[in-house]
């Protein structure tokens, strides 16, 4: 399916940014283009919405399970617990309690943390495998439909942890945010950063391109431009320091078939240093947005 107009500015002139491939499932090649007007990056052409689901069917999609069979999975689950506490700390800096919507809630670890701290929780997770774990393990209110227009009431916090890059209907989703967010509510978005050191180092092997299931590829500027278009402004930015190591390991695996832990740690450290002291940001970034004044 070819995208004729930029999702952010509607311009129709694009330049090729990079060609990479689906390393997990199909091994097909895909192209990421950049808009000549606003520099927004997106996969083009991309699979149709009807065919996109088959590219998710992979054991590599670790966020949809709680498995701890291998050393890598054990480390991932340990880091996920640490990250869950960090995420909750972030929302707690804005509200002591309230109503939260987590879109793409996966197996429900973050929502369960919120529920245990007296938040009213709602989750959306299209993957039946992950959704069933969230419901059976934590008794969470999670549904599979991604149609946000069917939700009732307002939410003080809306979160998407590495989900926005997957959403086919980008602008429609942000329109729905305007209808669902409370007056002083916050939107918290976590996405990979294509301007990070590890993105530039690994180039077409950078795992966070994750083609073709990542439809969009963000920078801080493009996040601001997109959300400003829908009446939101950036409140806060925070780096996700663990992501540089995780992404580097997967990127190394794309190159050689091995995760190459020592080199991955080295590249991850350098990327985080660039994130701390440079202008391009971390491997992945969290953006807190609110309604423009």
C-alpha atoms as a PDB file:
ATOM      1  CA  UNK A   1       0.000   0.000   0.000  1.00  0.00           C
ATOM      2  CA  UNK A   2       1.626   3.250  -1.128  1.00  0.00           C
ATOM      3  CA  UNK A   3       1.178   6.420   0.908  1.00  0.00           C
ATOM      4  CA  UNK A   4       0.627   9.366  -1.439  1.00  0.00           C
ATOM      5  CA  UNK A   5       0.693  12.198   1.114  1.00  0.00           C
ATOM      6  CA  UNK A   6       2.747  12.833   4.227  1.00  0.00           C
ATOM      7  CA  UNK A   7       0.677  11.998   7.346  1.00  0.00           C
ATOM      8  CA  UNK A   8       1.934  15.163   9.073  1.00  0.00           C
ATOM      9  CA  UNK A   9       1.930  17.956   6.461  1.00  0.00           C
ATOM     10  CA  UNK A  10       0.128  16.348   3.488  1.00  0.00           C
ATOM     11  CA  UNK A  11       3.039  17.019   1.126  1.00  0.00           C
ATOM     12  CA  UNK A  12       3.403  14.539  -1.758  1.00  0.00           C
ATOM     13  CA  UNK A  13       7.148  14.749  -2.400  1.00  0.00           C
ATOM     14  CA  UNK A  14       9.385  12.243  -0.601  1.00  0.00           C
ATOM     15  CA  UNK A  15      13.034  11.170  -0.632  1.00  0.00           C
ATOM     16  CA  UNK A  16      14.348   7.717   0.217  1.00  0.00           C
ATOM     17  CA  UNK A  17      15.922   7.659   3.670  1.00  0.00           C
ATOM     18  CA  UNK A  18      17.055   4.032   3.902  1.00  0.00           C
ATOM     19  CA  UNK A  19      16.208   0.538   2.676  1.00  0.00           C
ATOM     20  CA  UNK A  20      16.099  -2.228   5.240  1.00  0.00           C
ATOM     21  CA  UNK A  21      14.238  -5.497   5.672  1.00  0.00           C
ATOM     22  CA  UNK A  22      12.040  -7.549   7.923  1.00  0.00           C
ATOM     23  CA  UNK A  23      14.646  -9.579   9.825  1.00  0.00           C
ATOM     24  CA  UNK A  24      12.104 -11.447  11.974  1.00  0.00           C
ATOM     25  CA  UNK A  25       9.435 -12.920   9.711  1.00  0.00           C
ATOM     26  CA  UNK A  26       9.378 -12.426   5.940  1.00  0.00           C
ATOM     27  CA  UNK A  27      12.914 -11.221   5.114  1.00  0.00           C
ATOM     28  CA  UNK A  28      11.253  -8.820   2.645  1.00  0.00           C
ATOM     29  CA  UNK A  29      12.854  -5.442   1.945  1.00  0.00           C
ATOM     30  CA  UNK A  30      11.107  -2.137   2.676  1.00  0.00           C
ATOM     31  CA  UNK A  31      11.914   1.526   2.135  1.00  0.00           C
ATOM     32  CA  UNK A  32      11.671   4.342   4.663  1.00  0.00           C
ATOM     33  CA  UNK A  33      11.065   7.734   3.068  1.00  0.00           C
ATOM     34  CA  UNK A  34      11.366  11.256   4.454  1.00  0.00           C
ATOM     35  CA  UNK A  35       8.977  14.053   3.596  1.00  0.00           C
ATOM     36  CA  UNK A  36      10.721  16.791   1.595  1.00  0.00           C
ATOM     37  CA  UNK A  37       8.650  19.431   3.399  1.00  0.00           C
ATOM     38  CA  UNK A  38       8.599  18.491   7.112  1.00  0.00           C
ATOM     39  CA  UNK A  39      11.169  15.644   7.222  1.00  0.00           C
ATOM     40  CA  UNK A  40       8.737  13.151   8.732  1.00  0.00           C
ATOM     41  CA  UNK A  41       9.874   9.551   8.124  1.00  0.00           C
ATOM     42  CA  UNK A  42       7.577   6.642   7.351  1.00  0.00           C
ATOM     43  CA  UNK A  43       7.595   3.217   5.723  1.00  0.00           C
ATOM     44  CA  UNK A  44       6.431   3.544   2.128  1.00  0.00           C
ATOM     45  CA  UNK A  45       5.037   1.468   0.561  1.00  0.00           C
ATOM     46  CA  UNK A  46       3.846  -0.628   3.467  1.00  0.00           C
ATOM     47  CA  UNK A  47       1.640  -3.718   3.892  1.00  0.00           C
ATOM     48  CA  UNK A  48      -2.098  -3.124   3.780  1.00  0.00           C
ATOM     49  CA  UNK A  49      -3.899  -2.982   7.113  1.00  0.00           C
ATOM     50  CA  UNK A  50      -5.419  -6.392   6.322  1.00  0.00           C
ATOM     51  CA  UNK A  51      -2.017  -8.024   5.775  1.00  0.00           C
ATOM     52  CA  UNK A  52      -0.050  -6.262   8.508  1.00  0.00           C
ATOM     53  CA  UNK A  53      -0.942  -8.832  11.172  1.00  0.00           C
ATOM     54  CA  UNK A  54       1.086 -11.642   9.601  1.00  0.00           C
ATOM     55  CA  UNK A  55       4.309  -9.701  10.161  1.00  0.00           C
ATOM     56  CA  UNK A  56       3.780  -9.880  13.935  1.00  0.00           C
ATOM     57  CA  UNK A  57       3.776 -13.685  14.054  1.00  0.00           C
ATOM     58  CA  UNK A  58       7.247 -14.281  15.447  1.00  0.00           C
ATOM     59  CA  UNK A  59       8.901 -15.670  18.576  1.00  0.00           C
ATOM     60  CA  UNK A  60      11.121 -12.574  18.435  1.00  0.00           C
ATOM     61  CA  UNK A  61       8.195 -10.389  19.547  1.00  0.00           C
ATOM     62  CA  UNK A  62       9.167 -10.714  23.194  1.00  0.00           C
ATOM     63  CA  UNK A  63       6.915  -7.921  24.529  1.00  0.00           C
ATOM     64  CA  UNK A  64       3.880 -10.152  23.968  1.00  0.00           C
ATOM     65  CA  UNK A  65       4.997 -12.840  26.401  1.00  0.00           C
ATOM     66  CA  UNK A  66       6.372 -13.261  29.914  1.00  0.00           C
ATOM     67  CA  UNK A  67       8.767 -16.066  29.027  1.00  0.00           C
ATOM     68  CA  UNK A  68      12.066 -16.367  30.938  1.00  0.00           C
ATOM     69  CA  UNK A  69      13.580 -19.414  29.248  1.00  0.00           C
ATOM     70  CA  UNK A  70      16.819 -17.938  27.944  1.00  0.00           C
ATOM     71  CA  UNK A  71      19.377 -15.622  29.549  1.00  0.00           C
ATOM     72  CA  UNK A  72      18.290 -12.832  27.181  1.00  0.00           C
ATOM     73  CA  UNK A  73      14.616 -13.284  28.139  1.00  0.00           C
ATOM     74  CA  UNK A  74      15.472 -13.311  31.852  1.00  0.00           C
ATOM     75  CA  UNK A  75      17.394 -10.045  31.512  1.00  0.00           C
ATOM     76  CA  UNK A  76      14.567  -8.557  29.452  1.00  0.00           C
ATOM     77  CA  UNK A  77      11.955  -9.457  32.083  1.00  0.00           C
ATOM     78  CA  UNK A  78      14.158  -8.030  34.856  1.00  0.00           C
ATOM     79  CA  UNK A  79      14.594  -4.769  32.976  1.00  0.00           C
ATOM     80  CA  UNK A  80      10.858  -4.670  32.224  1.00  0.00           C
ATOM     81  CA  UNK A  81      10.091  -4.776  35.960  1.00  0.00           C
ATOM     82  CA  UNK A  82      12.508  -1.920  36.562  1.00  0.00           C
ATOM     83  CA  UNK A  83      11.034   0.050  33.652  1.00  0.00           C
ATOM     84  CA  UNK A  84       7.497  -0.519  34.932  1.00  0.00           C
ATOM     85  CA  UNK A  85       8.400   1.183  38.210  1.00  0.00           C
ATOM     86  CA  UNK A  86       9.944   4.062  36.268  1.00  0.00           C
ATOM     87  CA  UNK A  87       6.840   4.487  34.153  1.00  0.00           C
ATOM     88  CA  UNK A  88       4.633   4.564  37.220  1.00  0.00           C
ATOM     89  CA  UNK A  89       6.940   7.100  38.847  1.00  0.00           C
ATOM     90  CA  UNK A  90       6.522   9.323  35.802  1.00  0.00           C
ATOM     91  CA  UNK A  91       2.710   9.337  35.866  1.00  0.00           C
ATOM     92  CA  UNK A  92       2.784   9.817  39.636  1.00  0.00           C
ATOM     93  CA  UNK A  93       4.694  13.060  39.125  1.00  0.00           C
ATOM     94  CA  UNK A  94       1.535  14.500  37.533  1.00  0.00           C
ATOM     95  CA  UNK A  95      -1.332  12.801  39.426  1.00  0.00           C
ATOM     96  CA  UNK A  96      -1.490  10.851  42.677  1.00  0.00           C
ATOM     97  CA  UNK A  97      -4.320   8.756  41.213  1.00  0.00           C
ATOM     98  CA  UNK A  98      -6.895   8.944  38.461  1.00  0.00           C
ATOM     99  CA  UNK A  99      -8.050   7.168  35.339  1.00  0.00           C
ATOM    100  CA  UNK A 100      -5.486   5.771  32.910  1.00  0.00           C
ATOM    101  CA  UNK A 101      -5.755   4.312  29.405  1.00  0.00           C
ATOM    102  CA  UNK A 102      -2.813   2.207  28.203  1.00  0.00           C
ATOM    103  CA  UNK A 103      -3.010   1.582  24.460  1.00  0.00           C
ATOM    104  CA  UNK A 104      -1.050  -1.509  23.491  1.00  0.00           C
ATOM    105  CA  UNK A 105      -0.820  -2.665  27.091  1.00  0.00           C
ATOM    106  CA  UNK A 106       0.771  -6.015  26.208  1.00  0.00           C
ATOM    107  CA  UNK A 107       0.727  -8.508  29.071  1.00  0.00           C
ATOM    108  CA  UNK A 108      -0.474  -5.839  31.504  1.00  0.00           C
ATOM    109  CA  UNK A 109       2.523  -5.385  33.836  1.00  0.00           C
ATOM    110  CA  UNK A 110       2.343  -1.584  33.807  1.00  0.00           C
ATOM    111  CA  UNK A 111      -1.447  -1.423  34.182  1.00  0.00           C
ATOM    112  CA  UNK A 112      -1.292  -3.902  37.047  1.00  0.00           C
ATOM    113  CA  UNK A 113       1.203  -1.631  38.806  1.00  0.00           C
ATOM    114  CA  UNK A 114      -1.197   1.293  38.365  1.00  0.00           C
ATOM    115  CA  UNK A 115      -4.147  -0.783  39.572  1.00  0.00           C
ATOM    116  CA  UNK A 116      -2.239  -1.782  42.718  1.00  0.00           C
ATOM    117  CA  UNK A 117      -1.788   1.935  43.460  1.00  0.00           C
ATOM    118  CA  UNK A 118      -5.523   2.675  43.232  1.00  0.00           C
ATOM    119  CA  UNK A 119      -5.663   3.943  39.656  1.00  0.00           C
ATOM    120  CA  UNK A 120      -8.723   3.128  37.582  1.00  0.00           C
ATOM    121  CA  UNK A 121      -7.272   1.274  34.619  1.00  0.00           C
ATOM    122  CA  UNK A 122      -8.302   0.481  31.058  1.00  0.00           C
ATOM    123  CA  UNK A 123      -6.186  -1.377  28.526  1.00  0.00           C
ATOM    124  CA  UNK A 124      -6.296  -1.981  24.801  1.00  0.00           C
ATOM    125  CA  UNK A 125      -4.322  -4.870  23.326  1.00  0.00           C
ATOM    126  CA  UNK A 126      -5.061  -6.344  19.881  1.00  0.00           C
ATOM    127  CA  UNK A 127      -2.830  -9.400  20.449  1.00  0.00           C
ATOM    128  CA  UNK A 128      -5.005 -12.156  21.922  1.00  0.00           C
ATOM    129  CA  UNK A 129      -1.978 -13.930  23.413  1.00  0.00           C
ATOM    130  CA  UNK A 130      -0.857 -10.840  25.335  1.00  0.00           C
ATOM    131  CA  UNK A 131      -4.412  -9.734  26.167  1.00  0.00           C
ATOM    132  CA  UNK A 132      -5.309 -13.113  27.679  1.00  0.00           C
ATOM    133  CA  UNK A 133      -2.242 -12.934  29.936  1.00  0.00           C
ATOM    134  CA  UNK A 134      -3.211  -9.456  31.127  1.00  0.00           C
ATOM    135  CA  UNK A 135      -6.734 -10.608  31.937  1.00  0.00           C
ATOM    136  CA  UNK A 136      -5.897 -14.026  33.409  1.00  0.00           C
ATOM    137  CA  UNK A 137      -2.811 -12.986  35.379  1.00  0.00           C
ATOM    138  CA  UNK A 138      -3.977  -9.611  36.700  1.00  0.00           C
ATOM    139  CA  UNK A 139      -7.763  -9.498  36.196  1.00  0.00           C
ATOM    140  CA  UNK A 140      -7.411  -6.284  34.186  1.00  0.00           C
ATOM    141  CA  UNK A 141     -10.043  -4.557  32.071  1.00  0.00           C
ATOM    142  CA  UNK A 142      -8.499  -5.047  28.619  1.00  0.00           C
ATOM    143  CA  UNK A 143     -10.192  -5.237  25.259  1.00  0.00           C
ATOM    144  CA  UNK A 144      -8.996  -6.084  21.780  1.00  0.00           C
ATOM    145  CA  UNK A 145     -10.717  -3.398  19.731  1.00  0.00           C
ATOM    146  CA  UNK A 146      -8.517  -0.459  18.761  1.00  0.00           C
ATOM    147  CA  UNK A 147     -11.546   1.717  17.985  1.00  0.00           C
ATOM    148  CA  UNK A 148     -11.063   4.510  20.533  1.00  0.00           C
ATOM    149  CA  UNK A 149     -14.425   6.070  19.668  1.00  0.00           C
ATOM    150  CA  UNK A 150     -16.103   3.240  21.592  1.00  0.00           C
ATOM    151  CA  UNK A 151     -14.545   4.248  24.915  1.00  0.00           C
ATOM    152  CA  UNK A 152     -16.552   6.091  27.546  1.00  0.00           C
ATOM    153  CA  UNK A 153     -15.526   8.984  29.759  1.00  0.00           C
ATOM    154  CA  UNK A 154     -12.274  10.883  30.130  1.00  0.00           C
ATOM    155  CA  UNK A 155      -8.785   9.776  31.104  1.00  0.00           C
ATOM    156  CA  UNK A 156      -6.207  11.708  33.113  1.00  0.00           C
ATOM    157  CA  UNK A 157      -3.349   9.790  31.507  1.00  0.00           C
ATOM    158  CA  UNK A 158      -3.148   8.143  28.086  1.00  0.00           C
ATOM    159  CA  UNK A 159      -0.030   6.064  27.479  1.00  0.00           C
ATOM    160  CA  UNK A 160       1.461   4.368  24.433  1.00  0.00           C
ATOM    161  CA  UNK A 161       4.712   2.577  25.250  1.00  0.00           C
ATOM    162  CA  UNK A 162       6.326   1.825  21.885  1.00  0.00           C
ATOM    163  CA  UNK A 163       2.941   1.674  20.196  1.00  0.00           C
ATOM    164  CA  UNK A 164       2.434   4.902  18.218  1.00  0.00           C
ATOM    165  CA  UNK A 165       4.839   3.705  15.518  1.00  0.00           C
ATOM    166  CA  UNK A 166       2.515   0.730  14.915  1.00  0.00           C
ATOM    167  CA  UNK A 167      -0.798   2.596  14.548  1.00  0.00           C
ATOM    168  CA  UNK A 168      -2.078   2.657  10.941  1.00  0.00           C
ATOM    169  CA  UNK A 169      -4.468   5.595  11.443  1.00  0.00           C
ATOM    170  CA  UNK A 170      -2.097   8.117  12.984  1.00  0.00           C
ATOM    171  CA  UNK A 171      -4.104  11.344  12.702  1.00  0.00           C
ATOM    172  CA  UNK A 172      -7.404   9.677  13.574  1.00  0.00           C
ATOM    173  CA  UNK A 173      -5.820   8.396  16.788  1.00  0.00           C
ATOM    174  CA  UNK A 174      -4.721  11.883  17.833  1.00  0.00           C
ATOM    175  CA  UNK A 175      -8.186  13.262  17.098  1.00  0.00           C
ATOM    176  CA  UNK A 176      -9.572  10.658  19.488  1.00  0.00           C
ATOM    177  CA  UNK A 177      -7.007  11.685  22.114  1.00  0.00           C
ATOM    178  CA  UNK A 178      -8.572  15.147  22.121  1.00  0.00           C
ATOM    179  CA  UNK A 179     -11.944  13.629  22.931  1.00  0.00           C
ATOM    180  CA  UNK A 180     -10.693  11.198  25.577  1.00  0.00           C
ATOM    181  CA  UNK A 181      -8.206  13.316  27.526  1.00  0.00           C
ATOM    182  CA  UNK A 182      -9.317  15.231  30.614  1.00  0.00           C
ATOM    183  CA  UNK A 183      -8.773  19.000  30.713  1.00  0.00           C
ATOM    184  CA  UNK A 184      -5.429  18.778  32.521  1.00  0.00           C
ATOM    185  CA  UNK A 185      -4.603  15.302  31.287  1.00  0.00           C
ATOM    186  CA  UNK A 186      -1.271  14.100  29.908  1.00  0.00           C
ATOM    187  CA  UNK A 187      -0.377  11.950  26.928  1.00  0.00           C
ATOM    188  CA  UNK A 188       2.776   9.880  27.389  1.00  0.00           C
ATOM    189  CA  UNK A 189       4.361   8.477  24.248  1.00  0.00           C
ATOM    190  CA  UNK A 190       7.496   6.303  24.029  1.00  0.00           C
ATOM    191  CA  UNK A 191       8.991   5.754  20.571  1.00  0.00           C
ATOM    192  CA  UNK A 192      12.386   4.887  19.016  1.00  0.00           C
ATOM    193  CA  UNK A 193      14.498   7.850  17.984  1.00  0.00           C
ATOM    194  CA  UNK A 194      15.906   7.631  14.458  1.00  0.00           C
ATOM    195  CA  UNK A 195      18.369  10.441  15.220  1.00  0.00           C
ATOM    196  CA  UNK A 196      20.076   8.501  18.024  1.00  0.00           C
ATOM    197  CA  UNK A 197      23.696   7.370  17.889  1.00  0.00           C
ATOM    198  CA  UNK A 198      22.801   3.662  17.602  1.00  0.00           C
ATOM    199  CA  UNK A 199      20.415   4.384  14.703  1.00  0.00           C
ATOM    200  CA  UNK A 200      23.209   6.123  12.814  1.00  0.00           C
ATOM    201  CA  UNK A 201      25.756   3.460  13.765  1.00  0.00           C
ATOM    202  CA  UNK A 202      23.721   0.417  12.700  1.00  0.00           C
ATOM    203  CA  UNK A 203      22.048   2.069   9.684  1.00  0.00           C
ATOM    204  CA  UNK A 204      19.900  -0.483   7.795  1.00  0.00           C
ATOM    205  CA  UNK A 205      20.525  -3.074  10.537  1.00  0.00           C
ATOM    206  CA  UNK A 206      19.109  -0.871  13.305  1.00  0.00           C
ATOM    207  CA  UNK A 207      16.583  -3.108  15.041  1.00  0.00           C
ATOM    208  CA  UNK A 208      14.269  -0.255  16.026  1.00  0.00           C
ATOM    209  CA  UNK A 209      13.322   0.292  12.397  1.00  0.00           C
ATOM    210  CA  UNK A 210      11.506  -3.040  12.877  1.00  0.00           C
ATOM    211  CA  UNK A 211      10.083  -3.130   9.374  1.00  0.00           C
ATOM    212  CA  UNK A 212       7.370  -3.333   8.317  1.00  0.00           C
ATOM    213  CA  UNK A 213       5.439  -3.276  11.607  1.00  0.00           C
ATOM    214  CA  UNK A 214       6.917   0.122  12.470  1.00  0.00           C
ATOM    215  CA  UNK A 215       4.999   2.344  10.095  1.00  0.00           C
ATOM    216  CA  UNK A 216       6.498   5.636  11.324  1.00  0.00           C
ATOM    217  CA  UNK A 217       9.974   6.599  12.486  1.00  0.00           C
ATOM    218  CA  UNK A 218      10.109   9.544  14.863  1.00  0.00           C
ATOM    219  CA  UNK A 219      12.448  12.270  16.015  1.00  0.00           C
ATOM    220  CA  UNK A 220      11.755  14.850  18.724  1.00  0.00           C
ATOM    221  CA  UNK A 221      10.976  17.434  16.038  1.00  0.00           C
ATOM    222  CA  UNK A 222       8.488  15.208  14.231  1.00  0.00           C
ATOM    223  CA  UNK A 223       6.709  14.295  17.479  1.00  0.00           C
ATOM    224  CA  UNK A 224       6.319  17.994  18.295  1.00  0.00           C
ATOM    225  CA  UNK A 225       5.129  18.854  14.771  1.00  0.00           C
ATOM    226  CA  UNK A 226       2.603  16.021  14.697  1.00  0.00           C
ATOM    227  CA  UNK A 227       1.098  16.748  18.113  1.00  0.00           C
ATOM    228  CA  UNK A 228       1.062  20.519  17.618  1.00  0.00           C
ATOM    229  CA  UNK A 229      -1.068  19.877  14.562  1.00  0.00           C
ATOM    230  CA  UNK A 230      -3.669  18.371  16.912  1.00  0.00           C
ATOM    231  CA  UNK A 231      -3.470  21.002  19.637  1.00  0.00           C
ATOM    232  CA  UNK A 232      -0.880  19.488  21.974  1.00  0.00           C
ATOM    233  CA  UNK A 233       2.456  20.828  23.190  1.00  0.00           C
ATOM    234  CA  UNK A 234       5.509  19.078  24.596  1.00  0.00           C
ATOM    235  CA  UNK A 235       5.755  19.209  28.394  1.00  0.00           C
ATOM    236  CA  UNK A 236       8.704  16.931  29.080  1.00  0.00           C
ATOM    237  CA  UNK A 237      11.180  14.590  27.380  1.00  0.00           C
ATOM    238  CA  UNK A 238      12.911  11.646  29.020  1.00  0.00           C
ATOM    239  CA  UNK A 239      15.403   9.137  27.629  1.00  0.00           C
ATOM    240  CA  UNK A 240      14.935   5.353  27.899  1.00  0.00           C
ATOM    241  CA  UNK A 241      18.500   4.342  28.737  1.00  0.00           C
ATOM    242  CA  UNK A 242      17.990   0.570  28.679  1.00  0.00           C
ATOM    243  CA  UNK A 243      16.695   0.614  25.120  1.00  0.00           C
ATOM    244  CA  UNK A 244      20.093   1.383  23.603  1.00  0.00           C
ATOM    245  CA  UNK A 245      21.463  -1.922  24.922  1.00  0.00           C
ATOM    246  CA  UNK A 246      18.437  -3.973  23.898  1.00  0.00           C
ATOM    247  CA  UNK A 247      18.304  -2.456  20.416  1.00  0.00           C
ATOM    248  CA  UNK A 248      22.065  -2.842  19.961  1.00  0.00           C
ATOM    249  CA  UNK A 249      21.882  -6.553  20.806  1.00  0.00           C
ATOM    250  CA  UNK A 250      19.124  -7.125  18.269  1.00  0.00           C
ATOM    251  CA  UNK A 251      20.975  -5.033  15.689  1.00  0.00           C
ATOM    252  CA  UNK A 252      24.115  -7.090  16.181  1.00  0.00           C
ATOM    253  CA  UNK A 253      22.020 -10.202  15.675  1.00  0.00           C
ATOM    254  CA  UNK A 254      20.741  -8.787  12.380  1.00  0.00           C
ATOM    255  CA  UNK A 255      24.341  -8.373  11.215  1.00  0.00           C
ATOM    256  CA  UNK A 256      26.000 -11.588  12.413  1.00  0.00           C
ATOM    257  CA  UNK A 257      23.296 -13.859  13.810  1.00  0.00           C
ATOM    258  CA  UNK A 258      24.670 -13.317  17.333  1.00  0.00           C
ATOM    259  CA  UNK A 259      23.732 -10.719  19.951  1.00  0.00           C
ATOM    260  CA  UNK A 260      27.407  -9.938  20.672  1.00  0.00           C
ATOM    261  CA  UNK A 261      26.797  -8.782  24.241  1.00  0.00           C
ATOM    262  CA  UNK A 262      30.130  -7.035  24.830  1.00  0.00           C
ATOM    263  CA  UNK A 263      29.957  -4.914  21.683  1.00  0.00           C
ATOM    264  CA  UNK A 264      26.255  -4.215  22.273  1.00  0.00           C
ATOM    265  CA  UNK A 265      26.970  -2.887  25.755  1.00  0.00           C
ATOM    266  CA  UNK A 266      29.788  -0.728  24.369  1.00  0.00           C
ATOM    267  CA  UNK A 267      27.570   0.769  21.636  1.00  0.00           C
ATOM    268  CA  UNK A 268      24.732   1.211  24.146  1.00  0.00           C
ATOM    269  CA  UNK A 269      26.976   3.174  26.509  1.00  0.00           C
ATOM    270  CA  UNK A 270      28.170   5.453  23.716  1.00  0.00           C
ATOM    271  CA  UNK A 271      24.587   6.001  22.562  1.00  0.00           C
ATOM    272  CA  UNK A 272      23.506   6.961  26.079  1.00  0.00           C
ATOM    273  CA  UNK A 273      26.419   9.375  26.389  1.00  0.00           C
ATOM    274  CA  UNK A 274      25.327  11.017  23.133  1.00  0.00           C
ATOM    275  CA  UNK A 275      21.799  11.117  24.545  1.00  0.00           C
ATOM    276  CA  UNK A 276      22.977  12.795  27.737  1.00  0.00           C
ATOM    277  CA  UNK A 277      25.358  15.346  26.277  1.00  0.00           C
ATOM    278  CA  UNK A 278      24.377  15.668  22.615  1.00  0.00           C
ATOM    279  CA  UNK A 279      21.394  17.129  20.798  1.00  0.00           C
ATOM    280  CA  UNK A 280      20.088  14.048  19.018  1.00  0.00           C
ATOM    281  CA  UNK A 281      18.622  12.198  22.011  1.00  0.00           C
ATOM    282  CA  UNK A 282      18.539   8.638  23.338  1.00  0.00           C
ATOM    283  CA  UNK A 283      17.818   5.423  21.434  1.00  0.00           C
ATOM    284  CA  UNK A 284      14.207   5.709  22.575  1.00  0.00           C
ATOM    285  CA  UNK A 285      12.510   8.720  24.113  1.00  0.00           C
ATOM    286  CA  UNK A 286       9.466   9.343  26.263  1.00  0.00           C
ATOM    287  CA  UNK A 287       7.448  12.445  25.401  1.00  0.00           C
ATOM    288  CA  UNK A 288       4.894  13.936  27.795  1.00  0.00           C
ATOM    289  CA  UNK A 289       2.348  16.094  26.000  1.00  0.00           C
ATOM    290  CA  UNK A 290      -0.585  18.204  27.118  1.00  0.00           C
ATOM    291  CA  UNK A 291      -3.140  20.489  25.565  1.00  0.00           C
ATOM    292  CA  UNK A 292      -1.663  23.733  24.270  1.00  0.00           C
ATOM    293  CA  UNK A 293      -2.492  26.744  26.416  1.00  0.00           C
END
